[in-house]
Amino acid sequence: MPKNYRKPLPLLEIVWSDSQLSTGGWEDHGATMRGRHRVFQRSVGYILADDKHGVMLAGSLSQGGNVHGVVTIPASQIVKRRKVR
């Protein structure tokens, strides 16, 4: 491993409740209401931030310290969390 490769950040798995989007066209109101349900997502990534506002995870870290695939999950949407490493 290169000398300037920094130690990886801790990994976290988050289960969170996401928003739901309809098709965008005209829909029958009753059918739309029957299709309403909670949508859950599962994200795993390196912890960039974890505070009262939520969690920010990166999918990849580069040798130079750059991040890629960053997702920010509001604290109110987090259902479950598990430290992976």
Protein backbone atom coordinates (compact mmCIF):
# COMPACT_ATOMS: atom_id res chain seq x y z
CA MET A 1 0.00 0.00 0.00
CA PRO A 2 1.39 3.47 -0.85
CA LYS A 3 2.83 5.48 2.05
CA ASN A 4 0.45 8.41 1.51
CA TYR A 5 -2.63 6.16 1.56
CA ARG A 6 -4.51 7.21 4.67
CA LYS A 7 -6.33 4.83 6.98
CA PRO A 8 -9.93 4.25 5.78
CA LEU A 9 -12.78 5.92 7.63
CA PRO A 10 -15.26 3.76 9.60
CA LEU A 11 -17.99 2.01 7.59
CA LEU A 12 -21.67 2.32 8.47
CA GLU A 13 -24.79 0.57 7.19
CA ILE A 14 -27.97 2.67 7.29
CA VAL A 15 -31.56 1.54 6.67
CA TRP A 16 -33.66 4.59 5.87
CA SER A 17 -37.11 5.59 4.72
CA ASP A 18 -37.04 7.22 1.29
CA SER A 19 -39.57 9.36 -0.53
CA GLN A 20 -41.77 7.89 -3.24
CA LEU A 21 -42.36 9.36 -6.69
CA SER A 22 -45.32 8.62 -8.91
CA THR A 23 -45.05 8.22 -12.68
CA GLY A 24 -45.32 11.95 -13.27
CA GLY A 25 -48.37 11.65 -15.51
CA TRP A 26 -52.07 11.86 -14.71
CA GLU A 27 -53.14 9.14 -12.29
CA ASP A 28 -56.37 7.98 -10.73
CA HIS A 29 -56.51 9.41 -7.21
CA GLY A 30 -57.81 6.19 -5.65
CA ALA A 31 -55.14 4.03 -7.31
CA THR A 32 -52.45 6.46 -6.20
CA MET A 33 -53.61 6.30 -2.59
CA ARG A 34 -53.76 2.48 -2.64
CA GLY A 35 -50.16 2.38 -3.90
CA ARG A 36 -48.88 4.56 -1.07
CA HIS A 37 -46.39 2.77 1.19
CA ARG A 38 -43.08 3.36 2.91
CA VAL A 39 -40.02 2.75 0.76
CA PHE A 40 -36.88 1.58 2.55
CA GLN A 41 -33.32 1.88 1.28
CA ARG A 42 -30.09 0.36 2.57
CA SER A 43 -26.85 2.30 2.19
CA VAL A 44 -23.32 1.35 3.22
CA GLY A 45 -20.41 3.76 3.10
CA TYR A 46 -17.53 5.54 4.74
CA ILE A 47 -18.71 8.00 7.40
CA LEU A 48 -17.96 11.60 6.44
CA ALA A 49 -20.38 13.16 8.95
CA ASP A 50 -22.69 11.79 11.64
CA ASP A 51 -24.51 14.33 13.79
CA LYS A 52 -27.98 15.52 14.86
CA HIS A 53 -28.76 16.55 11.26
CA GLY A 54 -28.04 13.14 9.73
CA VAL A 55 -25.38 10.97 8.18
CA MET A 56 -23.17 11.62 5.16
CA LEU A 57 -21.62 8.51 3.57
CA ALA A 58 -19.11 8.13 0.74
CA GLY A 59 -19.06 5.01 -1.43
CA SER A 60 -15.39 5.38 -2.36
CA LEU A 61 -12.26 7.08 -1.03
CA SER A 62 -9.26 7.85 -3.22
CA GLN A 63 -5.59 7.66 -2.33
CA GLY A 64 -5.45 11.45 -2.40
CA GLY A 65 -8.36 11.85 0.02
CA ASN A 66 -11.10 12.57 -2.51
CA VAL A 67 -14.57 11.06 -2.07
CA HIS A 68 -17.09 9.68 -4.56
CA GLY A 69 -20.72 8.58 -4.41
CA VAL A 70 -21.70 10.74 -1.44
CA VAL A 71 -25.20 10.39 -0.01
CA THR A 72 -26.66 12.55 2.77
CA ILE A 73 -29.46 10.95 4.81
CA PRO A 74 -31.52 13.20 7.13
CA ALA A 75 -31.65 11.99 10.75
CA SER A 76 -35.46 11.87 10.67
CA GLN A 77 -35.34 9.26 7.86
CA ILE A 78 -32.93 6.83 9.58
CA VAL A 79 -34.64 3.65 10.75
CA LYS A 80 -31.63 1.51 11.70
CA ARG A 81 -27.85 1.82 11.77
CA ARG A 82 -25.06 -0.73 12.13
CA LYS A 83 -21.33 -0.11 12.30
CA VAL A 84 -19.66 -2.42 9.78
CA ARG A 85 -16.05 -1.72 10.69
